[in-house]
């Protein structure tokens, strides 16, 4: 399976639940997040389970792919899911239909405080 095909399958899996997402990873896969690297199926599953559980249901419906580039075994996406995530990026190293390495970073604005102030933050989605 090509890098492009694997990326498309992975993006489609996001609406298919945690088991569909996890089919793209191996025990030696590494996911680099803003909180540090996660290695292996258990850690990556926990990340996606948390992401899905803590995201509003409308987030996946708001997902908009802004850019997708593929060069050999490397894929890059730039995306948003406004108003929840105004900007995010992922890079993938894909081999034989599996994600070996992924980086993920998202800008997630902090909600307004009781006094109406907004404090921007960079955090895990």
PDB file of N, CA and C in Angstrom:
ATOM      1  N   UNK A   1       0.848  -1.178   0.000  1.00  0.00           N
ATOM      2  CA  UNK A   1       0.000   0.000   0.000  1.00  0.00           C
ATOM      3  C   UNK A   1       0.890   1.237   0.000  1.00  0.00           C
ATOM      4  N   UNK A   2       0.556   2.203  -0.810  1.00  0.00           N
ATOM      5  CA  UNK A   2       1.377   3.407  -0.939  1.00  0.00           C
ATOM      6  C   UNK A   2       1.217   4.324   0.278  1.00  0.00           C
ATOM      7  N   UNK A   3       2.131   5.259   0.394  1.00  0.00           N
ATOM      8  CA  UNK A   3       2.045   6.264   1.457  1.00  0.00           C
ATOM      9  C   UNK A   3       0.734   7.034   1.327  1.00  0.00           C
ATOM     10  N   UNK A   4       0.419   7.451   0.120  1.00  0.00           N
ATOM     11  CA  UNK A   4      -0.827   8.184  -0.131  1.00  0.00           C
ATOM     12  C   UNK A   4      -2.048   7.369   0.292  1.00  0.00           C
ATOM     13  N   UNK A   5      -2.104   6.099  -0.104  1.00  0.00           N
ATOM     14  CA  UNK A   5      -3.242   5.246   0.241  1.00  0.00           C
ATOM     15  C   UNK A   5      -3.366   5.052   1.750  1.00  0.00           C
ATOM     16  N   UNK A   6      -2.230   4.869   2.417  1.00  0.00           N
ATOM     17  CA  UNK A   6      -2.246   4.693   3.870  1.00  0.00           C
ATOM     18  C   UNK A   6      -2.721   5.967   4.552  1.00  0.00           C
ATOM     19  N   UNK A   7      -2.273   7.113   4.087  1.00  0.00           N
ATOM     20  CA  UNK A   7      -2.705   8.380   4.666  1.00  0.00           C
ATOM     21  C   UNK A   7      -4.215   8.557   4.503  1.00  0.00           C
ATOM     22  N   UNK A   8      -4.735   8.296   3.327  1.00  0.00           N
ATOM     23  CA  UNK A   8      -6.178   8.417   3.089  1.00  0.00           C
ATOM     24  C   UNK A   8      -6.934   7.473   4.019  1.00  0.00           C
ATOM     25  N   UNK A   9      -6.479   6.239   4.136  1.00  0.00           N
ATOM     26  CA  UNK A   9      -7.130   5.275   5.029  1.00  0.00           C
ATOM     27  C   UNK A   9      -7.115   5.782   6.466  1.00  0.00           C
ATOM     28  N   UNK A  10      -5.974   6.346   6.896  1.00  0.00           N
ATOM     29  CA  UNK A  10      -5.856   6.836   8.262  1.00  0.00           C
ATOM     30  C   UNK A  10      -6.819   8.003   8.515  1.00  0.00           C
ATOM     31  N   UNK A  11      -6.893   8.931   7.592  1.00  0.00           N
ATOM     32  CA  UNK A  11      -7.789  10.069   7.761  1.00  0.00           C
ATOM     33  C   UNK A  11      -9.249   9.619   7.798  1.00  0.00           C
ATOM     34  N   UNK A  12      -9.599   8.642   6.992  1.00  0.00           N
ATOM     35  CA  UNK A  12     -10.961   8.107   7.014  1.00  0.00           C
ATOM     36  C   UNK A  12     -11.239   7.365   8.325  1.00  0.00           C
ATOM     37  N   UNK A  13     -10.214   6.749   8.894  1.00  0.00           N
ATOM     38  CA  UNK A  13     -10.377   5.988  10.133  1.00  0.00           C
ATOM     39  C   UNK A  13     -10.724   6.876  11.319  1.00  0.00           C
ATOM     40  N   UNK A  14     -10.407   8.160  11.241  1.00  0.00           N
ATOM     41  CA  UNK A  14     -10.676   9.054  12.368  1.00  0.00           C
ATOM     42  C   UNK A  14     -12.154   9.074  12.737  1.00  0.00           C
ATOM     43  N   UNK A  15     -13.026   8.853  11.777  1.00  0.00           N
ATOM     44  CA  UNK A  15     -14.460   8.814  12.072  1.00  0.00           C
ATOM     45  C   UNK A  15     -14.939   7.390  12.330  1.00  0.00           C
ATOM     46  N   UNK A  16     -14.041   6.420  12.241  1.00  0.00           N
ATOM     47  CA  UNK A  16     -14.418   5.023  12.410  1.00  0.00           C
ATOM     48  C   UNK A  16     -14.145   4.460  13.795  1.00  0.00           C
ATOM     49  N   UNK A  17     -13.605   5.281  14.685  1.00  0.00           N
ATOM     50  CA  UNK A  17     -13.357   4.816  16.046  1.00  0.00           C
ATOM     51  C   UNK A  17     -11.925   4.389  16.273  1.00  0.00           C
ATOM     52  N   UNK A  18     -11.636   4.116  17.519  1.00  0.00           N
ATOM     53  CA  UNK A  18     -10.269   3.843  17.957  1.00  0.00           C
ATOM     54  C   UNK A  18      -9.668   2.606  17.294  1.00  0.00           C
ATOM     55  N   UNK A  19     -10.446   1.551  17.115  1.00  0.00           N
ATOM     56  CA  UNK A  19      -9.900   0.335  16.495  1.00  0.00           C
ATOM     57  C   UNK A  19      -9.498   0.587  15.043  1.00  0.00           C
ATOM     58  N   UNK A  20     -10.301   1.356  14.328  1.00  0.00           N
ATOM     59  CA  UNK A  20      -9.970   1.681  12.931  1.00  0.00           C
ATOM     60  C   UNK A  20      -8.693   2.520  12.876  1.00  0.00           C
ATOM     61  N   UNK A  21      -8.557   3.468  13.784  1.00  0.00           N
ATOM     62  CA  UNK A  21      -7.356   4.310  13.826  1.00  0.00           C
ATOM     63  C   UNK A  21      -6.121   3.467  14.102  1.00  0.00           C
ATOM     64  N   UNK A  22      -6.218   2.574  15.045  1.00  0.00           N
ATOM     65  CA  UNK A  22      -5.059   1.806  15.500  1.00  0.00           C
ATOM     66  C   UNK A  22      -4.558   0.788  14.477  1.00  0.00           C
ATOM     67  N   UNK A  23      -5.343   0.454  13.484  1.00  0.00           N
ATOM     68  CA  UNK A  23      -4.897  -0.493  12.442  1.00  0.00           C
ATOM     69  C   UNK A  23      -3.684   0.014  11.667  1.00  0.00           C
ATOM     70  N   UNK A  24      -3.441   1.324  11.735  1.00  0.00           N
ATOM     71  CA  UNK A  24      -2.341   1.909  10.972  1.00  0.00           C
ATOM     72  C   UNK A  24      -1.016   1.915  11.718  1.00  0.00           C
ATOM     73  N   UNK A  25      -1.003   1.506  12.979  1.00  0.00           N
ATOM     74  CA  UNK A  25       0.206   1.572  13.806  1.00  0.00           C
ATOM     75  C   UNK A  25       0.727   0.180  14.131  1.00  0.00           C
ATOM     76  N   UNK A  26       1.992   0.135  14.562  1.00  0.00           N
ATOM     77  CA  UNK A  26       2.611  -1.113  14.999  1.00  0.00           C
ATOM     78  C   UNK A  26       3.140  -0.920  16.415  1.00  0.00           C
ATOM     79  N   UNK A  27       3.577  -1.987  17.019  1.00  0.00           N
ATOM     80  CA  UNK A  27       4.126  -1.914  18.369  1.00  0.00           C
ATOM     81  C   UNK A  27       5.374  -1.032  18.429  1.00  0.00           C
ATOM     82  N   UNK A  28       6.054  -0.856  17.314  1.00  0.00           N
ATOM     83  CA  UNK A  28       7.255  -0.011  17.310  1.00  0.00           C
ATOM     84  C   UNK A  28       6.989   1.411  16.798  1.00  0.00           C
ATOM     85  N   UNK A  29       5.721   1.742  16.508  1.00  0.00           N
ATOM     86  CA  UNK A  29       5.384   3.091  16.054  1.00  0.00           C
ATOM     87  C   UNK A  29       5.655   4.111  17.160  1.00  0.00           C
ATOM     88  N   UNK A  30       6.002   5.331  16.722  1.00  0.00           N
ATOM     89  CA  UNK A  30       6.242   6.431  17.661  1.00  0.00           C
ATOM     90  C   UNK A  30       5.388   7.613  17.221  1.00  0.00           C
ATOM     91  N   UNK A  31       4.676   8.202  18.188  1.00  0.00           N
ATOM     92  CA  UNK A  31       3.877   9.396  17.955  1.00  0.00           C
ATOM     93  C   UNK A  31       4.468  10.518  18.798  1.00  0.00           C
ATOM     94  N   UNK A  32       4.999  11.543  18.133  1.00  0.00           N
ATOM     95  CA  UNK A  32       5.559  12.695  18.834  1.00  0.00           C
ATOM     96  C   UNK A  32       4.448  13.710  19.045  1.00  0.00           C
ATOM     97  N   UNK A  33       4.208  14.080  20.308  1.00  0.00           N
ATOM     98  CA  UNK A  33       3.180  15.054  20.649  1.00  0.00           C
ATOM     99  C   UNK A  33       3.837  16.226  21.374  1.00  0.00           C
ATOM    100  N   UNK A  34       3.046  17.234  21.661  1.00  0.00           N
ATOM    101  CA  UNK A  34       3.554  18.387  22.387  1.00  0.00           C
ATOM    102  C   UNK A  34       3.934  18.031  23.819  1.00  0.00           C
ATOM    103  N   UNK A  35       3.443  16.904  24.318  1.00  0.00           N
ATOM    104  CA  UNK A  35       3.788  16.446  25.658  1.00  0.00           C
ATOM    105  C   UNK A  35       4.946  15.446  25.654  1.00  0.00           C
ATOM    106  N   UNK A  36       5.449  15.100  24.480  1.00  0.00           N
ATOM    107  CA  UNK A  36       6.561  14.174  24.370  1.00  0.00           C
ATOM    108  C   UNK A  36       6.192  12.969  23.517  1.00  0.00           C
ATOM    109  N   UNK A  37       7.173  12.106  23.230  1.00  0.00           N
ATOM    110  CA  UNK A  37       6.931  10.957  22.355  1.00  0.00           C
ATOM    111  C   UNK A  37       6.182   9.830  23.063  1.00  0.00           C
ATOM    112  N   UNK A  38       5.357   9.149  22.283  1.00  0.00           N
ATOM    113  CA  UNK A  38       4.622   7.969  22.743  1.00  0.00           C
ATOM    114  C   UNK A  38       5.027   6.808  21.851  1.00  0.00           C
ATOM    115  N   UNK A  39       5.416   5.705  22.463  1.00  0.00           N
ATOM    116  CA  UNK A  39       5.883   4.552  21.696  1.00  0.00           C
ATOM    117  C   UNK A  39       4.989   3.355  21.960  1.00  0.00           C
ATOM    118  N   UNK A  40       4.612   2.670  20.894  1.00  0.00           N
ATOM    119  CA  UNK A  40       3.866   1.425  21.024  1.00  0.00           C
ATOM    120  C   UNK A  40       2.364   1.606  20.993  1.00  0.00           C
ATOM    121  N   UNK A  41       1.693   0.496  20.750  1.00  0.00           N
ATOM    122  CA  UNK A  41       0.250   0.510  20.556  1.00  0.00           C
ATOM    123  C   UNK A  41      -0.520   0.990  21.781  1.00  0.00           C
ATOM    124  N   UNK A  42      -0.113   0.577  22.958  1.00  0.00           N
ATOM    125  CA  UNK A  42      -0.843   0.957  24.166  1.00  0.00           C
ATOM    126  C   UNK A  42      -0.809   2.469  24.394  1.00  0.00           C
ATOM    127  N   UNK A  43       0.360   3.071  24.266  1.00  0.00           N
ATOM    128  CA  UNK A  43       0.493   4.514  24.475  1.00  0.00           C
ATOM    129  C   UNK A  43      -0.232   5.315  23.397  1.00  0.00           C
ATOM    130  N   UNK A  44      -0.116   4.869  22.161  1.00  0.00           N
ATOM    131  CA  UNK A  44      -0.770   5.582  21.059  1.00  0.00           C
ATOM    132  C   UNK A  44      -2.286   5.436  21.173  1.00  0.00           C
ATOM    133  N   UNK A  45      -2.755   4.255  21.534  1.00  0.00           N
ATOM    134  CA  UNK A  45      -4.194   4.045  21.750  1.00  0.00           C
ATOM    135  C   UNK A  45      -4.708   4.977  22.846  1.00  0.00           C
ATOM    136  N   UNK A  46      -3.972   5.095  23.942  1.00  0.00           N
ATOM    137  CA  UNK A  46      -4.394   5.962  25.042  1.00  0.00           C
ATOM    138  C   UNK A  46      -4.484   7.417  24.573  1.00  0.00           C
ATOM    139  N   UNK A  47      -3.528   7.847  23.737  1.00  0.00           N
ATOM    140  CA  UNK A  47      -3.565   9.216  23.213  1.00  0.00           C
ATOM    141  C   UNK A  47      -4.840   9.446  22.409  1.00  0.00           C
ATOM    142  N   UNK A  48      -5.121   8.565  21.451  1.00  0.00           N
ATOM    143  CA  UNK A  48      -6.298   8.747  20.612  1.00  0.00           C
ATOM    144  C   UNK A  48      -7.592   8.582  21.404  1.00  0.00           C
ATOM    145  N   UNK A  49      -7.613   7.678  22.360  1.00  0.00           N
ATOM    146  CA  UNK A  49      -8.804   7.520  23.201  1.00  0.00           C
ATOM    147  C   UNK A  49      -9.073   8.816  23.967  1.00  0.00           C
ATOM    148  N   UNK A  50      -8.015   9.420  24.510  1.00  0.00           N
ATOM    149  CA  UNK A  50      -8.164  10.689  25.208  1.00  0.00           C
ATOM    150  C   UNK A  50      -8.598  11.809  24.279  1.00  0.00           C
ATOM    151  N   UNK A  51      -7.992  11.851  23.101  1.00  0.00           N
ATOM    152  CA  UNK A  51      -8.337  12.868  22.108  1.00  0.00           C
ATOM    153  C   UNK A  51      -9.815  12.775  21.761  1.00  0.00           C
ATOM    154  N   UNK A  52     -10.300  11.580  21.458  1.00  0.00           N
ATOM    155  CA  UNK A  52     -11.695  11.396  21.070  1.00  0.00           C
ATOM    156  C   UNK A  52     -12.638  11.671  22.237  1.00  0.00           C
ATOM    157  N   UNK A  53     -12.276  11.228  23.437  1.00  0.00           N
ATOM    158  CA  UNK A  53     -13.132  11.414  24.611  1.00  0.00           C
ATOM    159  C   UNK A  53     -13.230  12.875  25.031  1.00  0.00           C
ATOM    160  N   UNK A  54     -12.153  13.628  24.844  1.00  0.00           N
ATOM    161  CA  UNK A  54     -12.122  15.016  25.298  1.00  0.00           C
ATOM    162  C   UNK A  54     -12.493  16.034  24.224  1.00  0.00           C
ATOM    163  N   UNK A  55     -12.765  15.566  23.030  1.00  0.00           N
ATOM    164  CA  UNK A  55     -13.133  16.465  21.943  1.00  0.00           C
ATOM    165  C   UNK A  55     -14.650  16.561  21.837  1.00  0.00           C
ATOM    166  N   UNK A  56     -15.155  17.752  21.552  1.00  0.00           N
ATOM    167  CA  UNK A  56     -16.603  17.853  21.322  1.00  0.00           C
ATOM    168  C   UNK A  56     -16.982  17.039  20.081  1.00  0.00           C
ATOM    169  N   UNK A  57     -18.176  16.496  20.052  1.00  0.00           N
ATOM    170  CA  UNK A  57     -18.587  15.677  18.895  1.00  0.00           C
ATOM    171  C   UNK A  57     -18.479  16.419  17.566  1.00  0.00           C
ATOM    172  N   UNK A  58     -18.611  17.720  17.595  1.00  0.00           N
ATOM    173  CA  UNK A  58     -18.569  18.519  16.369  1.00  0.00           C
ATOM    174  C   UNK A  58     -17.159  18.680  15.804  1.00  0.00           C
ATOM    175  N   UNK A  59     -16.147  18.354  16.591  1.00  0.00           N
ATOM    176  CA  UNK A  59     -14.772  18.574  16.144  1.00  0.00           C
ATOM    177  C   UNK A  59     -14.461  17.790  14.871  1.00  0.00           C
ATOM    178  N   UNK A  60     -14.768  16.522  14.835  1.00  0.00           N
ATOM    179  CA  UNK A  60     -14.448  15.725  13.641  1.00  0.00           C
ATOM    180  C   UNK A  60     -15.237  16.205  12.426  1.00  0.00           C
ATOM    181  N   UNK A  61     -16.461  16.652  12.649  1.00  0.00           N
ATOM    182  CA  UNK A  61     -17.251  17.185  11.534  1.00  0.00           C
ATOM    183  C   UNK A  61     -16.654  18.485  11.007  1.00  0.00           C
ATOM    184  N   UNK A  62     -15.945  19.218  11.880  1.00  0.00           N
ATOM    185  CA  UNK A  62     -15.338  20.491  11.489  1.00  0.00           C
ATOM    186  C   UNK A  62     -13.957  20.315  10.857  1.00  0.00           C
ATOM    187  N   UNK A  63     -13.446  19.095  10.823  1.00  0.00           N
ATOM    188  CA  UNK A  63     -12.112  18.824  10.274  1.00  0.00           C
ATOM    189  C   UNK A  63     -12.036  19.274   8.818  1.00  0.00           C
ATOM    190  N   UNK A  64     -11.065  20.119   8.524  1.00  0.00           N
ATOM    191  CA  UNK A  64     -10.838  20.594   7.160  1.00  0.00           C
ATOM    192  C   UNK A  64      -9.362  20.427   6.831  1.00  0.00           C
ATOM    193  N   UNK A  65      -9.081  19.667   5.812  1.00  0.00           N
ATOM    194  CA  UNK A  65      -7.710  19.470   5.363  1.00  0.00           C
ATOM    195  C   UNK A  65      -7.311  20.662   4.500  1.00  0.00           C
ATOM    196  N   UNK A  66      -6.273  21.377   4.936  1.00  0.00           N
ATOM    197  CA  UNK A  66      -5.807  22.554   4.216  1.00  0.00           C
ATOM    198  C   UNK A  66      -4.699  22.231   3.227  1.00  0.00           C
ATOM    199  N   UNK A  67      -3.907  21.224   3.558  1.00  0.00           N
ATOM    200  CA  UNK A  67      -2.778  20.861   2.692  1.00  0.00           C
ATOM    201  C   UNK A  67      -2.413  19.413   2.949  1.00  0.00           C
ATOM    202  N   UNK A  68      -2.061  18.710   1.876  1.00  0.00           N
ATOM    203  CA  UNK A  68      -1.572  17.332   1.979  1.00  0.00           C
ATOM    204  C   UNK A  68      -0.455  17.173   0.968  1.00  0.00           C
ATOM    205  N   UNK A  69       0.718  16.764   1.460  1.00  0.00           N
ATOM    206  CA  UNK A  69       1.865  16.528   0.594  1.00  0.00           C
ATOM    207  C   UNK A  69       2.430  15.151   0.905  1.00  0.00           C
ATOM    208  N   UNK A  70       2.845  14.458  -0.124  1.00  0.00           N
ATOM    209  CA  UNK A  70       3.455  13.143   0.030  1.00  0.00           C
ATOM    210  C   UNK A  70       4.713  13.102  -0.815  1.00  0.00           C
ATOM    211  N   UNK A  71       5.810  12.649  -0.197  1.00  0.00           N
ATOM    212  CA  UNK A  71       7.077  12.462  -0.906  1.00  0.00           C
ATOM    213  C   UNK A  71       7.687  11.164  -0.411  1.00  0.00           C
ATOM    214  N   UNK A  72       7.637  10.146  -1.237  1.00  0.00           N
ATOM    215  CA  UNK A  72       8.170   8.842  -0.832  1.00  0.00           C
ATOM    216  C   UNK A  72       7.406   8.283   0.350  1.00  0.00           C
ATOM    217  N   UNK A  73       8.122   8.015   1.431  1.00  0.00           N
ATOM    218  CA  UNK A  73       7.508   7.432   2.632  1.00  0.00           C
ATOM    219  C   UNK A  73       7.023   8.490   3.621  1.00  0.00           C
ATOM    220  N   UNK A  74       7.110   9.769   3.256  1.00  0.00           N
ATOM    221  CA  UNK A  74       6.756  10.850   4.175  1.00  0.00           C
ATOM    222  C   UNK A  74       5.494  11.555   3.674  1.00  0.00           C
ATOM    223  N   UNK A  75       4.579  11.791   4.613  1.00  0.00           N
ATOM    224  CA  UNK A  75       3.358  12.536   4.317  1.00  0.00           C
ATOM    225  C   UNK A  75       3.211  13.663   5.333  1.00  0.00           C
ATOM    226  N   UNK A  76       2.653  14.776   4.876  1.00  0.00           N
ATOM    227  CA  UNK A  76       2.462  15.953   5.722  1.00  0.00           C
ATOM    228  C   UNK A  76       1.046  16.460   5.512  1.00  0.00           C
ATOM    229  N   UNK A  77       0.374  16.789   6.618  1.00  0.00           N
ATOM    230  CA  UNK A  77      -0.929  17.430   6.496  1.00  0.00           C
ATOM    231  C   UNK A  77      -0.984  18.667   7.390  1.00  0.00           C
ATOM    232  N   UNK A  78      -1.699  19.658   6.899  1.00  0.00           N
ATOM    233  CA  UNK A  78      -2.014  20.876   7.636  1.00  0.00           C
ATOM    234  C   UNK A  78      -3.534  20.913   7.678  1.00  0.00           C
ATOM    235  N   UNK A  79      -4.104  21.094   8.875  1.00  0.00           N
ATOM    236  CA  UNK A  79      -5.552  21.023   8.991  1.00  0.00           C
ATOM    237  C   UNK A  79      -6.071  21.939  10.087  1.00  0.00           C
ATOM    238  N   UNK A  80      -7.396  22.070  10.108  1.00  0.00           N
ATOM    239  CA  UNK A  80      -8.063  22.828  11.153  1.00  0.00           C
ATOM    240  C   UNK A  80      -9.399  22.164  11.443  1.00  0.00           C
ATOM    241  N   UNK A  81      -9.956  22.492  12.587  1.00  0.00           N
ATOM    242  CA  UNK A  81     -11.289  22.038  12.977  1.00  0.00           C
ATOM    243  C   UNK A  81     -11.894  23.188  13.790  1.00  0.00           C
ATOM    244  N   UNK A  82     -12.190  24.256  13.092  1.00  0.00           N
ATOM    245  CA  UNK A  82     -12.652  25.476  13.770  1.00  0.00           C
ATOM    246  C   UNK A  82     -14.075  25.311  14.282  1.00  0.00           C
ATOM    247  N   UNK A  83     -14.353  25.876  15.440  1.00  0.00           N
ATOM    248  CA  UNK A  83     -13.557  26.812  16.228  1.00  0.00           C
ATOM    249  C   UNK A  83     -12.666  26.136  17.273  1.00  0.00           C
ATOM    250  N   UNK A  84     -12.607  24.831  17.267  1.00  0.00           N
ATOM    251  CA  UNK A  84     -11.913  24.083  18.325  1.00  0.00           C
ATOM    252  C   UNK A  84     -10.403  24.075  18.155  1.00  0.00           C
ATOM    253  N   UNK A  85      -9.952  23.816  16.942  1.00  0.00           N
ATOM    254  CA  UNK A  85      -8.525  23.782  16.625  1.00  0.00           C
ATOM    255  C   UNK A  85      -8.326  24.622  15.370  1.00  0.00           C
ATOM    256  N   UNK A  86      -7.845  25.859  15.536  1.00  0.00           N
ATOM    257  CA  UNK A  86      -7.686  26.714  14.363  1.00  0.00           C
ATOM    258  C   UNK A  86      -6.507  26.330  13.468  1.00  0.00           C
ATOM    259  N   UNK A  87      -5.569  25.542  13.992  1.00  0.00           N
ATOM    260  CA  UNK A  87      -4.423  25.133  13.185  1.00  0.00           C
ATOM    261  C   UNK A  87      -3.760  23.914  13.803  1.00  0.00           C
ATOM    262  N   UNK A  88      -3.488  22.917  12.973  1.00  0.00           N
ATOM    263  CA  UNK A  88      -2.786  21.709  13.429  1.00  0.00           C
ATOM    264  C   UNK A  88      -1.996  21.142  12.262  1.00  0.00           C
ATOM    265  N   UNK A  89      -1.000  20.356  12.610  1.00  0.00           N
ATOM    266  CA  UNK A  89      -0.155  19.744  11.596  1.00  0.00           C
ATOM    267  C   UNK A  89       0.272  18.351  12.047  1.00  0.00           C
ATOM    268  N   UNK A  90       0.374  17.458  11.091  1.00  0.00           N
ATOM    269  CA  UNK A  90       0.892  16.109  11.323  1.00  0.00           C
ATOM    270  C   UNK A  90       1.879  15.782  10.222  1.00  0.00           C
ATOM    271  N   UNK A  91       2.914  15.060  10.580  1.00  0.00           N
ATOM    272  CA  UNK A  91       3.855  14.491   9.616  1.00  0.00           C
ATOM    273  C   UNK A  91       3.921  13.002   9.891  1.00  0.00           C
ATOM    274  N   UNK A  92       3.962  12.207   8.845  1.00  0.00           N
ATOM    275  CA  UNK A  92       3.961  10.747   8.969  1.00  0.00           C
ATOM    276  C   UNK A  92       5.132  10.156   8.191  1.00  0.00           C
ATOM    277  N   UNK A  93       5.750   9.134   8.755  1.00  0.00           N
ATOM    278  CA  UNK A  93       6.653   8.260   8.019  1.00  0.00           C
ATOM    279  C   UNK A  93       5.917   6.928   7.917  1.00  0.00           C
ATOM    280  N   UNK A  94       5.642   6.524   6.677  1.00  0.00           N
ATOM    281  CA  UNK A  94       4.795   5.360   6.421  1.00  0.00           C
ATOM    282  C   UNK A  94       5.574   4.355   5.588  1.00  0.00           C
ATOM    283  N   UNK A  95       5.522   3.110   6.030  1.00  0.00           N
ATOM    284  CA  UNK A  95       6.196   2.043   5.291  1.00  0.00           C
ATOM    285  C   UNK A  95       5.321   0.797   5.314  1.00  0.00           C
ATOM    286  N   UNK A  96       5.127   0.208   4.146  1.00  0.00           N
ATOM    287  CA  UNK A  96       4.352  -1.026   4.002  1.00  0.00           C
ATOM    288  C   UNK A  96       2.969  -0.913   4.649  1.00  0.00           C
ATOM    289  N   UNK A  97       2.328   0.241   4.441  1.00  0.00           N
ATOM    290  CA  UNK A  97       0.969   0.435   4.900  1.00  0.00           C
ATOM    291  C   UNK A  97       0.812   0.708   6.383  1.00  0.00           C
ATOM    292  N   UNK A  98       1.900   0.991   7.082  1.00  0.00           N
ATOM    293  CA  UNK A  98       1.841   1.259   8.524  1.00  0.00           C
ATOM    294  C   UNK A  98       2.548   2.568   8.837  1.00  0.00           C
ATOM    295  N   UNK A  99       2.019   3.278   9.839  1.00  0.00           N
ATOM    296  CA  UNK A  99       2.647   4.514  10.295  1.00  0.00           C
ATOM    297  C   UNK A  99       3.750   4.148  11.270  1.00  0.00           C
ATOM    298  N   UNK A 100       4.993   4.417  10.873  1.00  0.00           N
ATOM    299  CA  UNK A 100       6.129   4.140  11.749  1.00  0.00           C
ATOM    300  C   UNK A 100       6.370   5.290  12.709  1.00  0.00           C
ATOM    301  N   UNK A 101       6.279   6.515  12.185  1.00  0.00           N
ATOM    302  CA  UNK A 101       6.502   7.721  12.985  1.00  0.00           C
ATOM    303  C   UNK A 101       5.452   8.740  12.585  1.00  0.00           C
ATOM    304  N   UNK A 102       4.920   9.430  13.591  1.00  0.00           N
ATOM    305  CA  UNK A 102       3.988  10.526  13.353  1.00  0.00           C
ATOM    306  C   UNK A 102       4.336  11.665  14.297  1.00  0.00           C
ATOM    307  N   UNK A 103       4.279  12.883  13.791  1.00  0.00           N
ATOM    308  CA  UNK A 103       4.358  14.051  14.659  1.00  0.00           C
ATOM    309  C   UNK A 103       2.997  14.727  14.630  1.00  0.00           C
ATOM    310  N   UNK A 104       2.607  15.299  15.755  1.00  0.00           N
ATOM    311  CA  UNK A 104       1.323  15.993  15.854  1.00  0.00           C
ATOM    312  C   UNK A 104       1.503  17.237  16.707  1.00  0.00           C
ATOM    313  N   UNK A 105       1.047  18.365  16.193  1.00  0.00           N
ATOM    314  CA  UNK A 105       1.043  19.608  16.966  1.00  0.00           C
ATOM    315  C   UNK A 105      -0.210  20.377  16.603  1.00  0.00           C
ATOM    316  N   UNK A 106      -0.838  20.956  17.621  1.00  0.00           N
ATOM    317  CA  UNK A 106      -2.062  21.729  17.401  1.00  0.00           C
ATOM    318  C   UNK A 106      -2.069  22.958  18.280  1.00  0.00           C
ATOM    319  N   UNK A 107      -2.601  24.033  17.733  1.00  0.00           N
ATOM    320  CA  UNK A 107      -2.866  25.216  18.529  1.00  0.00           C
ATOM    321  C   UNK A 107      -4.306  25.106  18.997  1.00  0.00           C
ATOM    322  N   UNK A 108      -4.481  25.067  20.316  1.00  0.00           N
ATOM    323  CA  UNK A 108      -5.809  24.970  20.898  1.00  0.00           C
ATOM    324  C   UNK A 108      -5.995  26.190  21.798  1.00  0.00           C
ATOM    325  N   UNK A 109      -6.821  27.136  21.372  1.00  0.00           N
ATOM    326  CA  UNK A 109      -7.004  28.324  22.203  1.00  0.00           C
ATOM    327  C   UNK A 109      -7.646  27.950  23.531  1.00  0.00           C
ATOM    328  N   UNK A 110      -7.197  28.619  24.575  1.00  0.00           N
ATOM    329  CA  UNK A 110      -7.789  28.408  25.889  1.00  0.00           C
ATOM    330  C   UNK A 110      -9.155  29.074  25.917  1.00  0.00           C
ATOM    331  N   UNK A 111     -10.091  28.483  26.620  1.00  0.00           N
ATOM    332  CA  UNK A 111     -11.403  29.131  26.725  1.00  0.00           C
ATOM    333  C   UNK A 111     -11.303  30.422  27.540  1.00  0.00           C
ATOM    334  N   UNK A 112     -12.262  31.284  27.357  1.00  0.00           N
ATOM    335  CA  UNK A 112     -12.294  32.536  28.117  1.00  0.00           C
ATOM    336  C   UNK A 112     -12.481  32.225  29.601  1.00  0.00           C
ATOM    337  N   UNK A 113     -11.839  33.017  30.439  1.00  0.00           N
ATOM    338  CA  UNK A 113     -11.975  32.869  31.887  1.00  0.00           C
ATOM    339  C   UNK A 113     -13.234  33.590  32.351  1.00  0.00           C
ATOM    340  N   UNK A 114     -13.550  33.451  33.614  1.00  0.00           N
ATOM    341  CA  UNK A 114     -14.751  34.088  34.148  1.00  0.00           C
ATOM    342  C   UNK A 114     -14.740  35.595  33.955  1.00  0.00           C
ATOM    343  N   UNK A 115     -13.549  36.217  33.962  1.00  0.00           N
ATOM    344  CA  UNK A 115     -13.477  37.663  33.775  1.00  0.00           C
ATOM    345  C   UNK A 115     -13.487  38.064  32.301  1.00  0.00           C
ATOM    346  N   UNK A 116     -13.651  37.067  31.406  1.00  0.00           N
ATOM    347  CA  UNK A 116     -13.732  37.334  29.979  1.00  0.00           C
ATOM    348  C   UNK A 116     -12.406  37.332  29.261  1.00  0.00           C
ATOM    349  N   UNK A 117     -11.293  37.213  30.010  1.00  0.00           N
ATOM    350  CA  UNK A 117      -9.980  37.195  29.381  1.00  0.00           C
ATOM    351  C   UNK A 117      -9.763  35.857  28.680  1.00  0.00           C
ATOM    352  N   UNK A 118      -9.050  35.908  27.606  1.00  0.00           N
ATOM    353  CA  UNK A 118      -8.689  34.682  26.893  1.00  0.00           C
ATOM    354  C   UNK A 118      -7.192  34.508  27.001  1.00  0.00           C
ATOM    355  N   UNK A 119      -6.784  33.335  27.412  1.00  0.00           N
ATOM    356  CA  UNK A 119      -5.365  33.060  27.513  1.00  0.00           C
ATOM    357  C   UNK A 119      -5.027  31.970  26.491  1.00  0.00           C
ATOM    358  N   UNK A 120      -4.313  32.353  25.442  1.00  0.00           N
ATOM    359  CA  UNK A 120      -3.945  31.387  24.401  1.00  0.00           C
ATOM    360  C   UNK A 120      -2.976  30.368  24.971  1.00  0.00           C
ATOM    361  N   UNK A 121      -3.094  29.165  24.467  1.00  0.00           N
ATOM    362  CA  UNK A 121      -2.194  28.115  24.925  1.00  0.00           C
ATOM    363  C   UNK A 121      -1.922  27.160  23.778  1.00  0.00           C
ATOM    364  N   UNK A 122      -0.867  26.440  23.928  1.00  0.00           N
ATOM    365  CA  UNK A 122      -0.564  25.358  23.006  1.00  0.00           C
ATOM    366  C   UNK A 122      -0.735  24.103  23.819  1.00  0.00           C
ATOM    367  N   UNK A 123      -1.600  23.223  23.379  1.00  0.00           N
ATOM    368  CA  UNK A 123      -1.863  22.029  24.161  1.00  0.00           C
ATOM    369  C   UNK A 123      -2.318  20.902  23.293  1.00  0.00           C
ATOM    370  N   UNK A 124      -2.380  19.746  23.895  1.00  0.00           N
ATOM    371  CA  UNK A 124      -2.828  18.562  23.164  1.00  0.00           C
ATOM    372  C   UNK A 124      -4.310  18.673  22.917  1.00  0.00           C
ATOM    373  N   UNK A 125      -4.692  18.258  21.756  1.00  0.00           N
ATOM    374  CA  UNK A 125      -6.107  18.238  21.437  1.00  0.00           C
ATOM    375  C   UNK A 125      -6.708  16.961  21.934  1.00  0.00           C
TER     376      UNK A 125
END
